[in-house]
Amino acid sequence: MKRINFTSPILPELDPGFVPAALWNREYRKLAAADPAAVKIAITCERSNGAVSRFDTILLPDTQDNLDLNFRYVERIVKFMLWAYGGCEVAIAGAPLVAAKLAE
């Protein structure tokens, strides 16, 4: 299983294991971009008025070995999209394992 190795020059006193999402996402995207088997995905968030927001990105190969990392990355994006745009329906194209886990 691949791992994100993250070290920060600043450790929060109350939570030394804290990793800012923006920095974790950056490291994840570097890891995915370096993998020749990376997969392209699209995430959409539809609002009640029919407007749709779309985010395109890449993931590590959609395998059981990568599921935890892929899920963490996609879940953060989906949560941000729901917070930023609002919405009532989310769709993910290109990563069936991640989509199934998110649907749970």
N, C-alpha and C. Protein backbone atom coordinates (compact mmCIF):
# COMPACT_ATOMS: atom_id res chain seq x y z
N MET A 1 0.84 -1.17 0.00
CA MET A 1 0.00 0.00 0.00
C MET A 1 0.89 1.24 0.00
N LYS A 2 0.52 2.21 -0.82
CA LYS A 2 1.25 3.46 -0.87
C LYS A 2 0.89 4.31 0.33
N ARG A 3 1.83 5.14 0.73
CA ARG A 3 1.61 6.02 1.88
C ARG A 3 2.04 7.43 1.49
N ILE A 4 1.44 8.39 2.15
CA ILE A 4 1.86 9.78 1.99
C ILE A 4 2.82 10.07 3.14
N ASN A 5 4.04 10.41 2.81
CA ASN A 5 5.01 10.78 3.83
C ASN A 5 4.98 12.29 3.96
N PHE A 6 4.57 12.73 5.11
CA PHE A 6 4.42 14.16 5.31
C PHE A 6 5.13 14.58 6.57
N THR A 7 5.99 15.56 6.44
CA THR A 7 6.62 16.15 7.61
C THR A 7 6.44 17.65 7.51
N SER A 8 6.20 18.26 8.62
CA SER A 8 5.98 19.70 8.66
C SER A 8 7.02 20.32 9.57
N PRO A 9 7.54 21.48 9.19
CA PRO A 9 8.51 22.14 10.06
C PRO A 9 7.85 22.71 11.32
N ILE A 10 6.54 22.84 11.28
CA ILE A 10 5.80 23.39 12.42
C ILE A 10 4.85 22.33 12.93
N LEU A 11 5.00 21.93 14.18
CA LEU A 11 4.10 20.95 14.78
C LEU A 11 3.19 21.65 15.78
N PRO A 12 1.88 21.55 15.59
CA PRO A 12 0.97 22.17 16.55
C PRO A 12 1.13 21.51 17.92
N GLU A 13 1.25 22.30 18.93
CA GLU A 13 1.49 21.79 20.28
C GLU A 13 0.37 20.87 20.77
N LEU A 14 -0.88 21.23 20.47
CA LEU A 14 -2.01 20.45 20.98
C LEU A 14 -2.34 19.24 20.11
N ASP A 15 -1.86 19.23 18.88
CA ASP A 15 -2.14 18.10 17.98
C ASP A 15 -0.94 17.86 17.07
N PRO A 16 0.12 17.21 17.57
CA PRO A 16 1.33 17.04 16.77
C PRO A 16 1.14 16.17 15.53
N GLY A 17 0.05 15.41 15.44
CA GLY A 17 -0.22 14.59 14.27
C GLY A 17 -1.04 15.31 13.21
N PHE A 18 -1.39 16.57 13.44
CA PHE A 18 -2.23 17.33 12.50
C PHE A 18 -1.51 17.55 11.18
N VAL A 19 -2.23 17.33 10.09
CA VAL A 19 -1.71 17.60 8.75
C VAL A 19 -2.75 18.44 8.02
N PRO A 20 -2.41 19.66 7.63
CA PRO A 20 -3.38 20.49 6.90
C PRO A 20 -3.82 19.81 5.60
N ALA A 21 -5.11 19.86 5.32
CA ALA A 21 -5.66 19.20 4.14
C ALA A 21 -4.98 19.67 2.86
N ALA A 22 -4.71 20.96 2.75
CA ALA A 22 -4.09 21.48 1.52
C ALA A 22 -2.73 20.85 1.27
N LEU A 23 -1.94 20.67 2.32
CA LEU A 23 -0.62 20.08 2.15
C LEU A 23 -0.71 18.58 1.87
N TRP A 24 -1.64 17.89 2.55
CA TRP A 24 -1.82 16.47 2.30
C TRP A 24 -2.27 16.25 0.86
N ASN A 25 -3.24 17.06 0.40
CA ASN A 25 -3.74 16.94 -0.97
C ASN A 25 -2.63 17.17 -1.99
N ARG A 26 -1.76 18.13 -1.73
CA ARG A 26 -0.65 18.41 -2.64
C ARG A 26 0.25 17.18 -2.77
N GLU A 27 0.58 16.56 -1.63
CA GLU A 27 1.44 15.38 -1.66
C GLU A 27 0.73 14.20 -2.35
N TYR A 28 -0.57 14.07 -2.12
CA TYR A 28 -1.32 13.01 -2.77
C TYR A 28 -1.30 13.20 -4.30
N ARG A 29 -1.55 14.42 -4.76
CA ARG A 29 -1.56 14.69 -6.21
C ARG A 29 -0.20 14.41 -6.84
N LYS A 30 0.89 14.72 -6.12
CA LYS A 30 2.23 14.39 -6.63
C LYS A 30 2.40 12.89 -6.78
N LEU A 31 1.95 12.14 -5.77
CA LEU A 31 2.04 10.69 -5.80
C LEU A 31 1.23 10.11 -6.97
N ALA A 32 0.02 10.61 -7.15
CA ALA A 32 -0.84 10.13 -8.25
C ALA A 32 -0.24 10.50 -9.61
N ALA A 33 0.28 11.71 -9.74
CA ALA A 33 0.84 12.14 -11.02
C ALA A 33 2.05 11.32 -11.42
N ALA A 34 2.79 10.80 -10.43
CA ALA A 34 3.98 10.00 -10.71
C ALA A 34 3.65 8.56 -11.07
N ASP A 35 2.40 8.14 -10.89
CA ASP A 35 2.00 6.76 -11.17
C ASP A 35 1.49 6.66 -12.61
N PRO A 36 2.15 5.87 -13.46
CA PRO A 36 1.72 5.76 -14.86
C PRO A 36 0.32 5.15 -15.02
N ALA A 37 -0.17 4.49 -13.99
CA ALA A 37 -1.50 3.87 -14.07
C ALA A 37 -2.58 4.73 -13.41
N ALA A 38 -2.26 5.99 -13.11
CA ALA A 38 -3.24 6.88 -12.48
C ALA A 38 -4.48 6.97 -13.35
N VAL A 39 -5.64 7.18 -12.71
CA VAL A 39 -6.90 7.26 -13.45
C VAL A 39 -7.51 8.65 -13.32
N LYS A 40 -8.11 9.11 -14.41
CA LYS A 40 -8.82 10.39 -14.40
C LYS A 40 -10.22 10.17 -13.85
N ILE A 41 -10.66 11.11 -13.01
CA ILE A 41 -12.03 11.03 -12.51
C ILE A 41 -12.68 12.41 -12.61
N ALA A 42 -14.00 12.40 -12.58
CA ALA A 42 -14.79 13.63 -12.52
C ALA A 42 -15.75 13.49 -11.34
N ILE A 43 -15.85 14.56 -10.57
CA ILE A 43 -16.78 14.60 -9.44
C ILE A 43 -17.76 15.74 -9.73
N THR A 44 -19.05 15.45 -9.69
CA THR A 44 -20.03 16.50 -9.90
C THR A 44 -20.92 16.63 -8.67
N CYS A 45 -21.39 17.84 -8.48
CA CYS A 45 -22.29 18.16 -7.38
C CYS A 45 -23.46 18.94 -7.98
N GLU A 46 -24.65 18.36 -7.90
CA GLU A 46 -25.83 18.99 -8.49
C GLU A 46 -26.68 19.65 -7.42
N ARG A 47 -27.10 20.88 -7.70
CA ARG A 47 -27.96 21.62 -6.79
C ARG A 47 -29.42 21.43 -7.17
N SER A 48 -30.32 21.80 -6.28
CA SER A 48 -31.75 21.59 -6.51
C SER A 48 -32.28 22.37 -7.71
N ASN A 49 -31.59 23.44 -8.11
CA ASN A 49 -32.04 24.21 -9.27
C ASN A 49 -31.51 23.65 -10.59
N GLY A 50 -30.80 22.52 -10.52
CA GLY A 50 -30.28 21.87 -11.73
C GLY A 50 -28.86 22.27 -12.09
N ALA A 51 -28.30 23.28 -11.44
CA ALA A 51 -26.93 23.69 -11.71
C ALA A 51 -25.97 22.61 -11.23
N VAL A 52 -24.90 22.40 -11.98
CA VAL A 52 -23.93 21.35 -11.66
C VAL A 52 -22.52 21.94 -11.61
N SER A 53 -21.78 21.61 -10.58
CA SER A 53 -20.37 21.97 -10.48
C SER A 53 -19.57 20.69 -10.71
N ARG A 54 -18.45 20.82 -11.43
CA ARG A 54 -17.65 19.65 -11.77
C ARG A 54 -16.20 19.90 -11.38
N PHE A 55 -15.56 18.85 -10.85
CA PHE A 55 -14.14 18.91 -10.50
C PHE A 55 -13.47 17.70 -11.13
N ASP A 56 -12.45 17.94 -11.94
CA ASP A 56 -11.68 16.87 -12.57
C ASP A 56 -10.34 16.73 -11.88
N THR A 57 -9.92 15.50 -11.66
CA THR A 57 -8.64 15.25 -11.00
C THR A 57 -8.15 13.86 -11.40
N ILE A 58 -7.03 13.45 -10.82
CA ILE A 58 -6.53 12.09 -11.04
C ILE A 58 -6.39 11.40 -9.70
N LEU A 59 -6.47 10.08 -9.75
CA LEU A 59 -6.31 9.24 -8.56
C LEU A 59 -5.25 8.20 -8.82
N LEU A 60 -4.74 7.66 -7.74
CA LEU A 60 -3.95 6.44 -7.87
C LEU A 60 -4.85 5.38 -8.49
N PRO A 61 -4.31 4.33 -9.07
CA PRO A 61 -5.17 3.30 -9.66
C PRO A 61 -6.28 2.87 -8.69
N ASP A 62 -7.48 2.68 -9.22
CA ASP A 62 -8.66 2.37 -8.41
C ASP A 62 -8.63 0.88 -8.03
N THR A 63 -7.74 0.58 -7.06
CA THR A 63 -7.58 -0.79 -6.58
C THR A 63 -7.82 -0.83 -5.08
N GLN A 64 -8.00 -2.01 -4.56
CA GLN A 64 -8.21 -2.18 -3.12
C GLN A 64 -7.01 -1.65 -2.33
N ASP A 65 -5.80 -1.84 -2.86
CA ASP A 65 -4.59 -1.37 -2.17
C ASP A 65 -4.56 0.15 -2.01
N ASN A 66 -5.13 0.87 -2.96
CA ASN A 66 -5.11 2.33 -2.92
C ASN A 66 -6.40 2.94 -2.38
N LEU A 67 -7.36 2.11 -2.02
CA LEU A 67 -8.68 2.61 -1.66
C LEU A 67 -8.66 3.61 -0.51
N ASP A 68 -7.90 3.35 0.53
CA ASP A 68 -7.89 4.26 1.68
C ASP A 68 -7.39 5.66 1.30
N LEU A 69 -6.28 5.72 0.56
CA LEU A 69 -5.75 7.02 0.14
C LEU A 69 -6.70 7.71 -0.84
N ASN A 70 -7.18 6.96 -1.83
CA ASN A 70 -8.10 7.54 -2.81
C ASN A 70 -9.37 8.05 -2.15
N PHE A 71 -9.90 7.26 -1.22
CA PHE A 71 -11.13 7.66 -0.55
C PHE A 71 -10.93 8.93 0.27
N ARG A 72 -9.83 8.99 0.99
CA ARG A 72 -9.56 10.19 1.80
C ARG A 72 -9.51 11.44 0.93
N TYR A 73 -8.84 11.34 -0.21
CA TYR A 73 -8.71 12.48 -1.13
C TYR A 73 -10.07 12.88 -1.69
N VAL A 74 -10.82 11.91 -2.22
CA VAL A 74 -12.12 12.21 -2.84
C VAL A 74 -13.13 12.70 -1.80
N GLU A 75 -13.14 12.08 -0.64
CA GLU A 75 -14.10 12.49 0.40
C GLU A 75 -13.90 13.96 0.77
N ARG A 76 -12.66 14.40 0.88
CA ARG A 76 -12.38 15.80 1.20
C ARG A 76 -12.89 16.73 0.10
N ILE A 77 -12.69 16.33 -1.15
CA ILE A 77 -13.16 17.16 -2.27
C ILE A 77 -14.68 17.24 -2.26
N VAL A 78 -15.34 16.10 -2.07
CA VAL A 78 -16.80 16.08 -2.05
C VAL A 78 -17.34 16.95 -0.92
N LYS A 79 -16.77 16.82 0.26
CA LYS A 79 -17.21 17.64 1.40
C LYS A 79 -17.03 19.12 1.11
N PHE A 80 -15.90 19.48 0.49
CA PHE A 80 -15.69 20.88 0.15
C PHE A 80 -16.71 21.36 -0.87
N MET A 81 -16.97 20.55 -1.90
CA MET A 81 -17.94 20.94 -2.93
C MET A 81 -19.33 21.14 -2.33
N LEU A 82 -19.73 20.24 -1.44
CA LEU A 82 -21.04 20.38 -0.80
C LEU A 82 -21.09 21.64 0.06
N TRP A 83 -20.00 21.95 0.74
CA TRP A 83 -19.96 23.14 1.58
C TRP A 83 -19.93 24.41 0.72
N ALA A 84 -19.10 24.41 -0.32
CA ALA A 84 -18.90 25.62 -1.12
C ALA A 84 -20.07 25.91 -2.05
N TYR A 85 -20.63 24.88 -2.66
CA TYR A 85 -21.66 25.08 -3.69
C TYR A 85 -23.05 24.69 -3.22
N GLY A 86 -23.12 23.88 -2.18
CA GLY A 86 -24.41 23.30 -1.81
C GLY A 86 -24.70 22.18 -2.80
N GLY A 87 -25.70 21.41 -2.53
CA GLY A 87 -26.02 20.36 -3.48
C GLY A 87 -26.83 19.27 -2.83
N CYS A 88 -27.44 18.48 -3.70
CA CYS A 88 -28.29 17.39 -3.22
C CYS A 88 -27.90 16.05 -3.84
N GLU A 89 -27.01 16.08 -4.83
CA GLU A 89 -26.61 14.83 -5.48
C GLU A 89 -25.16 14.93 -5.92
N VAL A 90 -24.39 13.89 -5.62
CA VAL A 90 -22.97 13.82 -6.00
C VAL A 90 -22.80 12.63 -6.92
N ALA A 91 -22.02 12.80 -7.98
CA ALA A 91 -21.71 11.69 -8.89
C ALA A 91 -20.20 11.65 -9.10
N ILE A 92 -19.67 10.43 -9.19
CA ILE A 92 -18.25 10.23 -9.43
C ILE A 92 -18.10 9.31 -10.62
N ALA A 93 -17.34 9.75 -11.61
CA ALA A 93 -17.09 8.95 -12.81
C ALA A 93 -15.61 8.59 -12.86
N GLY A 94 -15.31 7.31 -13.01
CA GLY A 94 -13.95 6.89 -13.20
C GLY A 94 -13.32 6.12 -12.06
N ALA A 95 -14.00 5.97 -10.94
CA ALA A 95 -13.42 5.27 -9.79
C ALA A 95 -14.52 4.50 -9.06
N PRO A 96 -14.92 3.34 -9.59
CA PRO A 96 -16.02 2.60 -9.01
C PRO A 96 -15.83 2.19 -7.55
N LEU A 97 -14.61 1.82 -7.15
CA LEU A 97 -14.39 1.42 -5.76
C LEU A 97 -14.58 2.60 -4.81
N VAL A 98 -14.04 3.74 -5.18
CA VAL A 98 -14.17 4.94 -4.35
C VAL A 98 -15.64 5.37 -4.30
N ALA A 99 -16.32 5.35 -5.44
CA ALA A 99 -17.73 5.75 -5.48
C ALA A 99 -18.57 4.85 -4.59
N ALA A 100 -18.31 3.54 -4.63
CA ALA A 100 -19.07 2.61 -3.80
C ALA A 100 -18.84 2.85 -2.31
N LYS A 101 -17.57 3.12 -1.94
CA LYS A 101 -17.29 3.38 -0.52
C LYS A 101 -17.92 4.70 -0.08
N LEU A 102 -17.90 5.68 -0.95
CA LEU A 102 -18.52 6.97 -0.62
C LEU A 102 -20.03 6.83 -0.48
N ALA A 103 -20.62 5.97 -1.27
CA ALA A 103 -22.08 5.76 -1.20
C ALA A 103 -22.50 5.11 0.12
N GLU A 104 -21.57 4.37 0.73
CA GLU A 104 -21.88 3.72 2.03
C GLU A 104 -22.18 4.78 3.04
